């Protein structure tokens, strides 16, 4: 029961957030936190649990975003129809590029994913059917509720919250299944996991495909909220960096780690952009770089791991104090 108390309290606070913070900026900020938490949680499947640090996950994010806008632009269908299209495309791409790239490890795998992401961005930028450098737009005015085109950020907030709960549920199920145990073993030592009979290559590929599918959903939701996607907003490498840093900051390999990281990083970015205007774009890269250095140097496990360690130490101190008081005459 003790383990359930804090997640339940957090859920109540998240649901009630729009009631306390009701301005348009605050509601939009809350929706963005949940949106990026979905993307970071999707990245966490392969990057946190399997230890495969992908910096090219923006490919799958872009698949979802472009699929949702393309079905409207070319077929006049609701952008919602593009979600399964984006999932299929993302899983297919992950299966194709995952076979060769997942044979690599460490920074070699990260470099390979960056190369794939840049290649895809260049291809899309020069493809007229996908809007080339101009991009694709969604419906200017909502035709039906299935367009998911709302003036207020409040409907997006609860839509993203629902999808985040589903994403966390899938991640929890995966982490507690045989696949999750295999991934943790592979992350600790792939050679040892193979020697014990774990199908390392197949398990990593399945995790990569699952992560890709979930990431594409985040991309589709992003495009539907903003009603537009272009190579920079849908395939910019900075999106992958955001996913990575949010998961690492909160706690990579932990269920709620990406949510904690998003709750810190997104408000920091939005507030700095509002205060500095266009001059804050370069500052974002500086902040991200500083966060990476600080995490790597002082707290590789993330904020949740630090809180857990402090909690454990305080519990031990309390038990020692109680035992000492009991032994006193």
Protein backbone atom coordinates (compact mmCIF):
# COMPACT_ATOMS: atom_id res chain seq x y z
CA UNK A 1 0.00 0.00 0.00
CA UNK A 2 2.85 2.36 0.81
CA UNK A 3 4.16 2.04 -2.76
CA UNK A 4 0.76 2.96 -4.16
CA UNK A 5 0.17 6.05 -2.03
CA UNK A 6 2.51 8.44 -3.83
CA UNK A 7 1.53 7.38 -7.39
CA UNK A 8 -2.14 7.83 -6.45
CA UNK A 9 -1.45 11.24 -4.91
CA UNK A 10 0.48 12.24 -8.03
CA UNK A 11 -2.39 11.06 -10.26
CA UNK A 12 -4.92 13.12 -8.30
CA UNK A 13 -2.70 16.21 -8.54
CA UNK A 14 -2.21 15.75 -12.29
CA UNK A 15 -5.96 15.32 -12.89
CA UNK A 16 -6.75 18.41 -10.81
CA UNK A 17 -3.98 20.56 -12.33
CA UNK A 18 -6.26 22.45 -14.80
CA UNK A 19 -8.60 23.35 -11.93
CA UNK A 20 -5.81 25.13 -10.04
CA UNK A 21 -3.93 26.58 -13.01
CA UNK A 22 -6.58 27.75 -15.43
CA UNK A 23 -4.85 30.34 -17.61
CA UNK A 24 -4.27 29.40 -21.28
CA UNK A 25 -0.48 29.44 -20.83
CA UNK A 26 -0.64 27.16 -17.77
CA UNK A 27 -2.98 24.70 -19.48
CA UNK A 28 -0.79 24.63 -22.58
CA UNK A 29 2.27 24.10 -20.40
CA UNK A 30 0.59 21.17 -18.63
CA UNK A 31 -0.40 19.62 -21.97
CA UNK A 32 3.18 19.93 -23.26
CA UNK A 33 4.56 18.28 -20.12
CA UNK A 34 2.27 15.29 -20.64
CA UNK A 35 3.02 15.15 -24.38
CA UNK A 36 6.77 15.06 -23.89
CA UNK A 37 6.34 12.62 -21.01
CA UNK A 38 4.69 10.24 -23.50
CA UNK A 39 7.60 10.62 -25.93
CA UNK A 40 10.23 10.23 -23.19
CA UNK A 41 8.42 7.18 -21.74
CA UNK A 42 8.41 5.63 -25.21
CA UNK A 43 12.17 6.29 -25.52
CA UNK A 44 12.64 4.82 -22.04
CA UNK A 45 11.60 1.37 -23.30
CA UNK A 46 14.73 1.02 -25.44
CA UNK A 47 17.02 3.59 -23.85
CA UNK A 48 16.23 3.05 -20.16
CA UNK A 49 15.35 -0.62 -19.85
CA UNK A 50 17.55 -2.01 -22.64
CA UNK A 51 20.38 0.49 -22.29
CA UNK A 52 20.44 1.26 -26.04
CA UNK A 53 20.85 5.04 -26.18
CA UNK A 54 19.02 6.06 -29.34
CA UNK A 55 19.50 9.65 -30.51
CA UNK A 56 17.46 9.05 -33.66
CA UNK A 57 14.05 8.43 -32.15
CA UNK A 58 12.82 11.58 -33.84
CA UNK A 59 12.38 9.40 -36.96
CA UNK A 60 9.44 7.65 -35.30
CA UNK A 61 8.14 10.89 -33.82
CA UNK A 62 8.15 12.35 -37.31
CA UNK A 63 6.41 9.28 -38.75
CA UNK A 64 3.43 9.85 -36.48
CA UNK A 65 3.36 13.60 -37.08
CA UNK A 66 3.60 13.34 -40.87
CA UNK A 67 1.12 10.46 -41.08
CA UNK A 68 -1.57 12.39 -39.18
CA UNK A 69 -1.10 15.50 -41.34
CA UNK A 70 -0.74 13.57 -44.63
CA UNK A 71 -4.06 11.73 -44.32
CA UNK A 72 -5.77 15.10 -43.99
CA UNK A 73 -3.78 16.93 -46.67
CA UNK A 74 -4.09 14.20 -49.34
CA UNK A 75 -7.28 12.33 -48.43
CA UNK A 76 -9.25 14.87 -46.32
CA UNK A 77 -9.49 12.29 -43.53
CA UNK A 78 -9.38 13.19 -39.83
CA UNK A 79 -5.77 13.37 -38.56
CA UNK A 80 -6.77 10.76 -36.00
CA UNK A 81 -6.77 8.19 -38.83
CA UNK A 82 -3.07 8.82 -39.26
CA UNK A 83 -2.19 7.36 -35.86
CA UNK A 84 -2.35 3.68 -36.90
CA UNK A 85 -0.65 4.59 -40.20
CA UNK A 86 2.20 6.21 -38.28
CA UNK A 87 2.47 3.24 -35.91
CA UNK A 88 2.73 0.77 -38.79
CA UNK A 89 5.30 2.93 -40.59
CA UNK A 90 7.36 3.42 -37.40
CA UNK A 91 7.36 -0.26 -36.46
CA UNK A 92 8.33 -1.16 -40.04
CA UNK A 93 11.21 1.32 -40.08
CA UNK A 94 12.35 0.13 -36.65
CA UNK A 95 12.36 -3.48 -37.86
CA UNK A 96 14.41 -2.56 -40.94
CA UNK A 97 17.01 -0.32 -39.30
CA UNK A 98 17.03 -2.18 -36.00
CA UNK A 99 18.52 -5.39 -37.39
CA UNK A 100 21.86 -3.82 -38.40
CA UNK A 101 22.08 -0.97 -35.86
CA UNK A 102 21.24 -3.03 -32.76
CA UNK A 103 24.30 -5.15 -33.47
CA UNK A 104 26.29 -2.09 -32.45
CA UNK A 105 26.74 -1.00 -28.86
CA UNK A 106 27.55 2.13 -26.90
CA UNK A 107 28.27 5.31 -28.80
CA UNK A 108 28.47 3.40 -32.10
CA UNK A 109 24.74 2.63 -31.84
CA UNK A 110 23.99 6.25 -30.93
CA UNK A 111 25.98 7.53 -33.91
CA UNK A 112 24.19 5.14 -36.26
CA UNK A 113 20.77 6.35 -35.07
CA UNK A 114 21.82 9.99 -35.58
CA UNK A 115 22.89 9.16 -39.14
CA UNK A 116 19.54 7.48 -39.88
CA UNK A 117 17.62 10.45 -38.42
CA UNK A 118 19.51 12.98 -40.53
CA UNK A 119 19.09 10.85 -43.65
CA UNK A 120 15.32 10.66 -43.11
CA UNK A 121 15.12 14.41 -42.49
CA UNK A 122 16.94 15.15 -45.76
CA UNK A 123 14.72 12.75 -47.70
CA UNK A 124 11.54 14.31 -46.28
CA UNK A 125 12.85 17.84 -46.91
CA UNK A 126 13.19 16.98 -50.61
CA UNK A 127 9.92 15.06 -50.99
CA UNK A 128 7.10 17.19 -52.40
CA UNK A 129 4.41 14.68 -51.39
CA UNK A 130 5.35 15.31 -47.73
CA UNK A 131 5.42 19.08 -48.16
CA UNK A 132 9.20 19.28 -48.64
CA UNK A 133 10.72 22.12 -46.61
CA UNK A 134 7.35 23.84 -46.19
CA UNK A 135 5.66 20.96 -44.36
CA UNK A 136 2.02 19.87 -44.05
CA UNK A 137 -0.90 21.53 -42.29
CA UNK A 138 -3.97 20.12 -40.57
CA UNK A 139 -7.55 21.38 -40.64
CA UNK A 140 -7.80 25.12 -40.06
CA UNK A 141 -11.18 24.68 -38.37
CA UNK A 142 -12.60 21.56 -36.72
CA UNK A 143 -15.02 19.69 -38.98
CA UNK A 144 -15.83 16.92 -36.49
CA UNK A 145 -14.56 15.94 -33.07
CA UNK A 146 -12.32 13.34 -34.77
CA UNK A 147 -10.15 16.15 -36.13
CA UNK A 148 -9.02 16.74 -32.53
CA UNK A 149 -8.67 20.44 -33.35
CA UNK A 150 -9.49 22.44 -30.23
CA UNK A 151 -9.06 26.12 -29.42
CA UNK A 152 -8.34 25.47 -25.74
CA UNK A 153 -5.45 23.34 -24.48
CA UNK A 154 -7.71 21.69 -21.87
CA UNK A 155 -9.04 18.87 -24.13
CA UNK A 156 -5.47 18.14 -25.24
CA UNK A 157 -4.39 17.99 -21.61
CA UNK A 158 -6.81 15.20 -20.72
CA UNK A 159 -6.26 13.44 -24.06
CA UNK A 160 -2.50 13.40 -23.44
CA UNK A 161 -3.04 12.31 -19.84
CA UNK A 162 -5.09 9.33 -21.05
CA UNK A 163 -2.40 8.37 -23.56
CA UNK A 164 0.32 8.77 -20.94
CA UNK A 165 -1.51 6.39 -18.60
CA UNK A 166 -1.81 3.86 -21.44
CA UNK A 167 1.89 4.26 -22.28
CA UNK A 168 2.93 3.80 -18.65
CA UNK A 169 0.63 0.78 -18.39
CA UNK A 170 2.25 -0.83 -21.44
CA UNK A 171 5.70 -0.02 -20.06
CA UNK A 172 4.82 -1.49 -16.64
CA UNK A 173 3.49 -4.65 -18.28
CA UNK A 174 6.64 -4.97 -20.38
CA UNK A 175 8.97 -4.33 -17.44
CA UNK A 176 7.31 -7.06 -15.37
CA UNK A 177 7.15 -9.60 -18.18
CA UNK A 178 9.85 -11.99 -19.35
CA UNK A 179 10.85 -9.40 -21.93
CA UNK A 180 11.54 -6.86 -19.19
CA UNK A 181 13.75 -9.28 -17.27
CA UNK A 182 15.65 -10.06 -20.45
CA UNK A 183 16.14 -6.34 -21.17
CA UNK A 184 17.50 -5.61 -17.70
CA UNK A 185 19.88 -8.55 -17.99
CA UNK A 186 21.03 -7.34 -21.42
CA UNK A 187 21.54 -3.83 -20.05
CA UNK A 188 23.74 -5.12 -17.21
CA UNK A 189 25.79 -7.45 -19.43
CA UNK A 190 24.68 -8.61 -22.85
CA UNK A 191 27.39 -11.25 -23.02
CA UNK A 192 26.33 -12.75 -19.68
CA UNK A 193 22.65 -12.63 -20.72
CA UNK A 194 23.44 -14.49 -23.94
CA UNK A 195 25.42 -17.11 -22.05
CA UNK A 196 22.36 -17.79 -19.89
CA UNK A 197 20.13 -18.28 -22.92
CA UNK A 198 18.49 -14.84 -23.25
CA UNK A 199 17.62 -14.05 -26.91
CA UNK A 200 19.38 -10.69 -26.82
CA UNK A 201 19.07 -9.66 -30.48
CA UNK A 202 15.39 -10.56 -30.77
CA UNK A 203 14.48 -8.97 -27.43
CA UNK A 204 16.22 -5.69 -28.26
CA UNK A 205 14.52 -5.60 -31.64
CA UNK A 206 11.08 -6.16 -30.08
CA UNK A 207 11.76 -3.39 -27.55
CA UNK A 208 12.93 -1.08 -30.34
CA UNK A 209 9.76 -1.72 -32.33
CA UNK A 210 7.53 -1.20 -29.27
CA UNK A 211 9.34 2.04 -28.45
CA UNK A 212 9.00 3.20 -32.06
CA UNK A 213 5.24 2.60 -32.12
CA UNK A 214 4.66 4.52 -28.90
CA UNK A 215 6.89 7.37 -30.05
CA UNK A 216 4.90 7.73 -33.28
CA UNK A 217 1.73 8.22 -31.23
CA UNK A 218 3.42 11.10 -29.41
CA UNK A 219 4.38 12.61 -32.76
CA UNK A 220 0.82 12.34 -34.07
CA UNK A 221 -0.58 14.01 -30.95
CA UNK A 222 2.00 16.78 -31.27
CA UNK A 223 1.01 17.47 -34.89
CA UNK A 224 -2.70 17.46 -34.06
CA UNK A 225 -2.21 19.93 -31.22
CA UNK A 226 -0.16 22.39 -33.30
CA UNK A 227 -1.91 21.62 -36.60
CA UNK A 228 1.32 21.66 -38.55
CA UNK A 229 4.52 19.73 -39.14
CA UNK A 230 7.70 20.47 -41.09
CA UNK A 231 11.17 18.88 -41.16
CA UNK A 232 12.38 21.03 -38.27
CA UNK A 233 9.43 20.59 -35.91
CA UNK A 234 8.83 16.93 -36.75
CA UNK A 235 12.31 15.60 -37.52
CA UNK A 236 14.72 17.97 -35.76
CA UNK A 237 17.42 16.14 -33.82
CA UNK A 238 16.70 18.30 -30.76
CA UNK A 239 13.47 16.32 -30.22
CA UNK A 240 15.48 13.14 -29.72
CA UNK A 241 17.79 14.95 -27.33
CA UNK A 242 14.77 16.12 -25.32
CA UNK A 243 13.48 12.56 -24.97
CA UNK A 244 16.89 11.34 -23.85
CA UNK A 245 17.48 14.10 -21.31
CA UNK A 246 13.98 13.91 -19.82
CA UNK A 247 14.30 10.17 -19.23
CA UNK A 248 17.85 10.50 -17.86
CA UNK A 249 17.00 13.48 -15.65
CA UNK A 250 14.03 11.76 -14.00
CA UNK A 251 15.52 8.28 -14.00
CA UNK A 252 16.12 6.13 -17.09
CA UNK A 253 14.81 2.61 -16.61
CA UNK A 254 12.27 3.76 -14.01
CA UNK A 255 8.56 3.87 -14.79
CA UNK A 256 7.91 7.46 -13.69
CA UNK A 257 11.39 8.80 -14.47
CA UNK A 258 10.46 10.36 -17.86
CA UNK A 259 7.41 12.07 -16.33
CA UNK A 260 9.55 13.68 -13.62
CA UNK A 261 12.11 14.79 -16.20
CA UNK A 262 9.41 16.29 -18.43
CA UNK A 263 7.84 18.09 -15.47
CA UNK A 264 11.19 19.83 -14.86
CA UNK A 265 12.56 20.37 -18.36
CA UNK A 266 9.46 21.52 -20.26
CA UNK A 267 8.54 24.39 -17.87
CA UNK A 268 12.20 25.41 -17.79
CA UNK A 269 12.31 25.62 -21.59
CA UNK A 270 8.94 27.34 -21.96
CA UNK A 271 9.64 29.96 -19.29
CA UNK A 272 13.08 30.74 -20.70
CA UNK A 273 11.64 31.06 -24.22
CA UNK A 274 8.92 33.42 -22.98
CA UNK A 275 11.38 35.57 -21.05
CA UNK A 276 14.03 35.74 -23.75
CA UNK A 277 11.87 35.45 -26.86
CA UNK A 278 13.76 34.40 -29.98
CA UNK A 279 17.08 34.98 -28.21
CA UNK A 280 16.46 31.93 -26.01
CA UNK A 281 16.79 29.37 -28.83
CA UNK A 282 20.54 29.02 -28.43
CA UNK A 283 20.24 28.92 -24.65
CA UNK A 284 18.24 25.70 -24.93
CA UNK A 285 21.26 23.82 -26.26
CA UNK A 286 23.45 25.22 -23.49
CA UNK A 287 20.96 24.12 -20.82
CA UNK A 288 20.62 20.63 -22.31
CA UNK A 289 24.38 20.23 -22.49
CA UNK A 290 24.80 21.35 -18.89
CA UNK A 291 22.08 18.92 -17.71
CA UNK A 292 23.76 16.02 -19.52
CA UNK A 293 27.12 16.83 -17.89
CA UNK A 294 25.59 17.19 -14.41
CA UNK A 295 23.62 13.95 -14.67
CA UNK A 296 26.60 12.00 -15.98
CA UNK A 297 28.91 13.39 -13.29
CA UNK A 298 26.80 13.49 -10.13
CA UNK A 299 23.62 11.43 -10.51
CA UNK A 300 23.60 8.90 -13.39
CA UNK A 301 20.51 7.23 -11.94
CA UNK A 302 18.39 10.37 -12.16
CA UNK A 303 16.29 12.30 -9.64
CA UNK A 304 14.02 9.39 -8.68
CA UNK A 305 17.03 7.20 -7.91
CA UNK A 306 18.40 9.98 -5.68
CA UNK A 307 15.05 10.32 -3.87
CA UNK A 308 14.89 6.56 -3.40
CA UNK A 309 18.41 6.52 -1.96
CA UNK A 310 17.60 9.36 0.47
CA UNK A 311 14.37 7.59 1.45
CA UNK A 312 16.26 4.34 2.13
CA UNK A 313 18.88 6.13 4.23
CA UNK A 314 16.21 7.93 6.28
CA UNK A 315 14.33 4.66 6.85
CA UNK A 316 17.50 2.97 8.06
CA UNK A 317 18.27 5.90 10.35
CA UNK A 318 14.72 5.80 11.77
CA UNK A 319 14.93 2.04 12.39
CA UNK A 320 18.32 2.43 14.05
CA UNK A 321 16.95 5.17 16.31
CA UNK A 322 13.94 3.03 17.29
CA UNK A 323 16.14 0.00 17.99
CA UNK A 324 18.50 2.18 20.01
CA UNK A 325 15.62 3.55 22.07
CA UNK A 326 14.34 0.02 22.66
CA UNK A 327 17.72 -1.17 23.91
CA UNK A 328 18.09 1.77 26.29
CA UNK A 329 17.44 0.92 29.99
